[in-house]
N, C-alpha and C. Protein backbone atom coordinates (compact mmCIF):
# COMPACT_ATOMS: atom_id res chain seq x y z
N MET A 1 10.01 56.23 -23.78
CA MET A 1 9.30 56.60 -25.01
C MET A 1 8.37 57.78 -24.76
N GLN A 2 7.66 57.73 -23.64
CA GLN A 2 6.75 58.83 -23.32
C GLN A 2 7.52 60.14 -23.19
N PHE A 3 8.75 60.04 -22.68
CA PHE A 3 9.60 61.22 -22.53
C PHE A 3 9.91 61.84 -23.89
N MET A 4 10.18 60.97 -24.88
CA MET A 4 10.45 61.44 -26.24
C MET A 4 9.24 62.17 -26.80
N ASN A 5 8.06 61.62 -26.58
CA ASN A 5 6.82 62.25 -27.05
C ASN A 5 6.68 63.66 -26.47
N VAL A 6 6.93 63.76 -25.17
CA VAL A 6 6.81 65.06 -24.50
C VAL A 6 7.80 66.06 -25.08
N ILE A 7 9.04 65.61 -25.29
CA ILE A 7 10.07 66.49 -25.84
C ILE A 7 9.66 66.99 -27.22
N LEU A 8 9.18 66.08 -28.07
CA LEU A 8 8.78 66.47 -29.41
C LEU A 8 7.59 67.43 -29.38
N MET A 9 6.63 67.17 -28.52
CA MET A 9 5.46 68.03 -28.42
C MET A 9 5.86 69.43 -27.95
N VAL A 10 6.72 69.49 -26.92
CA VAL A 10 7.17 70.79 -26.41
C VAL A 10 7.92 71.54 -27.50
N HIS A 11 8.78 70.83 -28.23
CA HIS A 11 9.55 71.45 -29.30
C HIS A 11 8.63 72.00 -30.38
N PHE A 12 7.59 71.22 -30.73
CA PHE A 12 6.67 71.65 -31.78
C PHE A 12 5.86 72.86 -31.32
N VAL A 13 5.40 72.84 -30.07
CA VAL A 13 4.63 73.97 -29.54
C VAL A 13 5.48 75.23 -29.53
N GLU A 14 6.74 75.08 -29.13
CA GLU A 14 7.66 76.21 -29.12
C GLU A 14 7.87 76.74 -30.54
N LEU A 15 8.01 75.82 -31.49
CA LEU A 15 8.19 76.18 -32.89
C LEU A 15 6.96 76.91 -33.41
N GLU A 16 5.77 76.38 -33.10
CA GLU A 16 4.52 77.01 -33.51
C GLU A 16 4.40 78.41 -32.93
N GLY A 17 4.69 78.53 -31.64
CA GLY A 17 4.59 79.82 -30.98
C GLY A 17 5.52 80.84 -31.61
N ARG A 18 6.74 80.42 -31.91
CA ARG A 18 7.73 81.32 -32.51
C ARG A 18 7.28 81.77 -33.89
N SER A 19 6.74 80.83 -34.67
CA SER A 19 6.31 81.18 -36.02
C SER A 19 5.05 82.05 -35.99
N TRP A 20 4.24 81.88 -34.94
CA TRP A 20 3.06 82.75 -34.80
C TRP A 20 3.48 84.17 -34.46
N VAL A 21 4.55 84.29 -33.67
CA VAL A 21 5.01 85.62 -33.26
C VAL A 21 5.75 86.31 -34.40
N LEU A 22 6.69 85.59 -34.99
CA LEU A 22 7.56 86.20 -36.00
C LEU A 22 7.01 86.05 -37.41
N GLN A 23 6.18 85.01 -37.63
CA GLN A 23 5.64 84.70 -38.96
C GLN A 23 6.76 84.53 -39.99
N PRO A 24 7.82 83.76 -39.71
CA PRO A 24 8.90 83.59 -40.68
C PRO A 24 8.55 82.55 -41.74
N LEU A 25 7.63 81.63 -41.39
CA LEU A 25 7.30 80.56 -42.31
C LEU A 25 5.88 80.70 -42.82
N PRO A 26 5.66 80.43 -44.11
CA PRO A 26 4.29 80.32 -44.60
C PRO A 26 3.64 79.07 -44.04
N LEU A 27 2.33 78.98 -44.15
CA LEU A 27 1.59 77.87 -43.56
C LEU A 27 2.03 76.51 -44.07
N PRO A 28 2.27 76.32 -45.38
CA PRO A 28 2.70 75.00 -45.87
C PRO A 28 4.00 74.54 -45.23
N SER A 29 4.92 75.45 -44.99
CA SER A 29 6.19 75.08 -44.38
C SER A 29 5.98 74.58 -42.96
N ARG A 30 5.06 75.23 -42.24
CA ARG A 30 4.77 74.80 -40.88
C ARG A 30 4.15 73.41 -40.89
N SER A 31 3.30 73.14 -41.86
CA SER A 31 2.70 71.81 -41.99
C SER A 31 3.78 70.78 -42.28
N LEU A 32 4.75 71.14 -43.13
CA LEU A 32 5.84 70.23 -43.46
C LEU A 32 6.68 69.93 -42.22
N VAL A 33 6.93 70.93 -41.41
CA VAL A 33 7.69 70.74 -40.17
C VAL A 33 6.96 69.77 -39.26
N PHE A 34 5.63 69.95 -39.15
CA PHE A 34 4.82 69.06 -38.31
C PHE A 34 4.88 67.63 -38.82
N ILE A 35 4.71 67.46 -40.14
CA ILE A 35 4.76 66.13 -40.76
C ILE A 35 6.13 65.50 -40.54
N PHE A 36 7.18 66.32 -40.66
CA PHE A 36 8.54 65.85 -40.45
C PHE A 36 8.73 65.31 -39.03
N LEU A 37 8.22 66.06 -38.05
CA LEU A 37 8.34 65.63 -36.65
C LEU A 37 7.57 64.35 -36.40
N VAL A 38 6.37 64.25 -36.98
CA VAL A 38 5.56 63.04 -36.82
C VAL A 38 6.28 61.84 -37.44
N ALA A 39 6.89 62.06 -38.62
CA ALA A 39 7.61 60.99 -39.30
C ALA A 39 8.79 60.51 -38.44
N ILE A 40 9.51 61.45 -37.84
CA ILE A 40 10.62 61.11 -36.95
C ILE A 40 10.13 60.29 -35.77
N LEU A 41 8.99 60.72 -35.19
CA LEU A 41 8.44 60.03 -34.03
C LEU A 41 8.08 58.59 -34.37
N PHE A 42 7.37 58.40 -35.48
CA PHE A 42 6.97 57.05 -35.87
C PHE A 42 8.18 56.21 -36.26
N GLY A 43 9.15 56.82 -36.92
CA GLY A 43 10.36 56.12 -37.28
C GLY A 43 11.12 55.66 -36.05
N PHE A 44 11.17 56.51 -35.04
CA PHE A 44 11.86 56.18 -33.79
C PHE A 44 11.15 55.03 -33.08
N ARG A 45 9.81 55.06 -33.09
CA ARG A 45 9.03 53.99 -32.46
C ARG A 45 9.28 52.67 -33.17
N PHE A 46 9.26 52.70 -34.49
CA PHE A 46 9.49 51.50 -35.29
C PHE A 46 10.87 50.92 -35.00
N PHE A 47 11.88 51.79 -35.01
CA PHE A 47 13.25 51.39 -34.75
C PHE A 47 13.39 50.82 -33.34
N HIS A 48 12.77 51.49 -32.38
CA HIS A 48 12.87 51.08 -30.97
C HIS A 48 12.22 49.71 -30.77
N ARG A 49 11.09 49.49 -31.44
CA ARG A 49 10.37 48.23 -31.28
C ARG A 49 11.18 47.07 -31.85
N HIS A 50 11.83 47.29 -32.99
CA HIS A 50 12.57 46.22 -33.65
C HIS A 50 13.99 46.06 -33.09
N LEU A 51 14.38 46.99 -32.24
CA LEU A 51 15.70 46.90 -31.63
C LEU A 51 15.70 45.83 -30.54
N HIS A 52 14.55 45.67 -29.87
CA HIS A 52 14.47 44.73 -28.74
C HIS A 52 14.01 43.36 -29.14
């Protein structure tokens, strides 16, 4: 599980860095991407907990 957290964090930081350099997304879209990743993380945790 900790590995998944690290992967998601690295992916988000990379995404943030890219959008800071290129500025392809407006700020609300970046917030939506962050919320989306958080939702995936919590959903995965919930699923993982109830799987066992």
